[in-house]
Amino acid sequence: MILPFVPIDSVLIEQVFINLLENAIKYTPAHSPIDLSASADSTMVTIEVADRGPGLPTGDEQRIFEKFYRASAPASRNGSGVGLGLTICRGIVEAHGGRIWAENRSGGGAVFRFTLPIELRTKDREHRSVGVSHRR
């Protein structure tokens, strides 16, 4: 499947990938796969990062995106972090008009998904063009 072009700030979306992959590495046993996938429908591209770690504590699927919140996962390989990475991801994805969520993966682990709109909404286009000057 060929995915459509999506209007993004590549530096910010790169940070989303970095944060999600660092979390997956932190909570996944060594030598376990981390799966990346993407799909599209007529309005959105959905990106998925799935690991085989301990999964998310029941009820924390939305709380993990709160500022400074850290799920207590027993199998973390690296206890560092202050609980901002997923909050940053949420802010970046929502600024792009998408959404992000997490859930436990059948067979163990967690899956993080985020969507990005294929087209900028008219309101977003107008907002981004305000204050832009063109130099010759």
Protein backbone atom coordinates (compact mmCIF):
# COMPACT_ATOMS: atom_id res chain seq x y z
CA MET A 1 0.00 0.00 0.00
CA ILE A 2 1.29 3.44 -0.89
CA LEU A 3 0.48 6.01 1.77
CA PRO A 4 -0.61 9.52 0.80
CA PHE A 5 1.44 12.60 1.57
CA VAL A 6 0.51 14.16 4.88
CA PRO A 7 1.20 17.82 5.74
CA ILE A 8 3.39 17.67 8.87
CA ASP A 9 6.20 19.39 10.66
CA SER A 10 8.77 16.65 10.10
CA VAL A 11 10.93 17.62 13.09
CA LEU A 12 7.98 17.40 15.47
CA ILE A 13 6.65 14.13 14.07
CA GLU A 14 10.18 12.73 14.25
CA GLN A 15 10.08 13.57 17.98
CA VAL A 16 6.82 11.60 18.31
CA PHE A 17 8.54 8.57 16.75
CA ILE A 18 11.60 9.00 18.99
CA ASN A 19 9.48 9.18 22.14
CA LEU A 20 7.31 6.19 21.20
CA LEU A 21 10.26 4.06 20.14
CA GLU A 22 12.29 4.96 23.25
CA ASN A 23 9.34 3.89 25.41
CA ALA A 24 8.95 0.65 23.47
CA ILE A 25 12.67 -0.10 23.87
CA LYS A 26 12.55 0.76 27.57
CA TYR A 27 9.66 -1.63 28.31
CA THR A 28 10.34 -4.45 25.86
CA PRO A 29 12.61 -7.38 26.76
CA ALA A 30 15.93 -7.43 24.89
CA HIS A 31 15.78 -9.01 21.42
CA SER A 32 11.97 -8.74 21.28
CA PRO A 33 10.50 -7.17 18.14
CA ILE A 34 8.94 -3.74 18.01
CA ASP A 35 6.42 -3.52 15.19
CA LEU A 36 5.84 -0.34 13.18
CA SER A 37 2.96 -0.07 10.74
CA ALA A 38 0.88 2.53 8.95
CA SER A 39 -2.43 2.52 7.13
CA ALA A 40 -4.71 5.10 5.58
CA ASP A 41 -8.34 5.71 4.89
CA SER A 42 -9.85 8.60 2.96
CA THR A 43 -9.15 11.20 5.67
CA MET A 44 -6.44 9.94 8.02
CA VAL A 45 -3.16 8.08 8.18
CA THR A 46 -2.81 5.85 11.24
CA ILE A 47 0.64 4.99 12.55
CA GLU A 48 1.19 2.18 15.04
CA VAL A 49 4.09 1.30 17.34
CA ALA A 50 3.59 -2.06 19.08
CA ASP A 51 5.85 -3.77 21.58
CA ARG A 52 5.97 -7.04 23.52
CA GLY A 53 6.64 -5.56 26.95
CA PRO A 54 4.46 -5.96 30.05
CA GLY A 55 1.62 -3.89 28.64
CA LEU A 56 -0.19 -1.06 30.34
CA PRO A 57 -1.72 -1.26 33.81
CA THR A 58 -5.49 -1.60 33.46
CA GLY A 59 -7.09 1.84 33.60
CA ASP A 60 -3.89 3.74 32.71
CA GLU A 61 -4.41 3.73 28.95
CA GLN A 62 -5.32 7.45 28.94
CA ARG A 63 -3.50 8.53 32.11
CA ILE A 64 -0.11 7.73 30.57
CA PHE A 65 -0.51 10.84 28.39
CA GLU A 66 -0.86 13.12 31.44
CA LYS A 67 2.05 15.37 32.36
CA PHE A 68 4.54 13.71 34.78
CA TYR A 69 2.52 10.48 34.96
CA ARG A 70 4.60 7.30 34.86
CA ALA A 71 3.00 3.89 34.75
CA SER A 72 4.58 1.44 37.14
CA ALA A 73 5.85 -1.26 34.84
CA PRO A 74 7.85 -4.00 36.54
CA ALA A 75 9.93 -4.96 33.49
CA SER A 76 11.40 -1.57 32.57
CA ARG A 77 15.03 -1.91 31.47
CA ASN A 78 15.73 1.72 32.28
CA GLY A 79 13.91 3.56 35.05
CA SER A 80 14.84 7.00 33.77
CA GLY A 81 12.34 9.57 32.59
CA VAL A 82 10.11 12.16 34.13
CA GLY A 83 6.83 11.33 32.46
CA LEU A 84 6.79 13.98 29.74
CA GLY A 85 7.48 11.98 26.56
CA LEU A 86 3.92 10.82 25.93
CA THR A 87 2.51 14.22 26.94
CA ILE A 88 4.75 15.80 24.31
CA CYS A 89 3.56 13.23 21.76
CA ARG A 90 -0.05 14.07 22.50
CA GLY A 91 0.57 17.80 22.13
CA ILE A 92 2.38 17.38 18.81
CA VAL A 93 -0.17 14.98 17.34
CA GLU A 94 -3.12 17.12 18.44
CA ALA A 95 -1.44 20.25 17.02
CA HIS A 96 -1.39 18.42 13.69
CA GLY A 97 -5.14 17.71 13.94
CA GLY A 98 -4.72 14.07 14.92
CA ARG A 99 -5.16 12.01 18.04
CA ILE A 100 -3.07 9.47 19.94
CA TRP A 101 -4.07 6.57 22.16
CA ALA A 102 -2.71 3.38 23.66
CA GLU A 103 -4.07 -0.03 24.52
CA ASN A 104 -2.86 -3.43 25.53
CA ARG A 105 -1.90 -5.75 22.72
CA SER A 106 -3.42 -9.21 22.54
CA GLY A 107 -0.66 -11.68 23.34
CA GLY A 108 1.15 -9.17 25.57
CA GLY A 109 2.64 -5.74 25.18
CA ALA A 110 1.24 -2.35 24.32
CA VAL A 111 0.29 -0.66 21.09
CA PHE A 112 0.40 3.09 20.56
CA ARG A 113 -1.52 4.54 17.63
CA PHE A 114 -1.75 8.05 16.32
CA THR A 115 -3.59 9.59 13.42
CA LEU A 116 -2.69 12.47 11.16
CA PRO A 117 -5.15 14.09 8.75
CA ILE A 118 -4.34 13.76 5.06
CA GLU A 119 -5.57 17.28 4.31
CA LEU A 120 -5.34 20.37 6.46
CA ARG A 121 -8.73 21.62 7.52
CA THR A 122 -9.65 25.03 6.10
CA LYS A 123 -9.44 26.58 9.59
CA ASP A 124 -5.90 25.19 10.01
CA ARG A 125 -4.83 26.52 6.60
CA GLU A 126 -6.12 29.99 7.47
CA HIS A 127 -4.44 29.91 10.89
CA ARG A 128 -1.09 28.87 9.43
CA SER A 129 -1.19 31.54 6.75
CA VAL A 130 -1.86 34.43 9.16
CA GLY A 131 1.23 36.53 9.69
CA VAL A 132 3.21 34.94 6.90
CA SER A 133 5.12 37.42 4.80
CA HIS A 134 6.66 36.75 1.43
CA ARG A 135 10.00 38.33 0.59
CA ARG A 136 11.32 38.88 -2.88
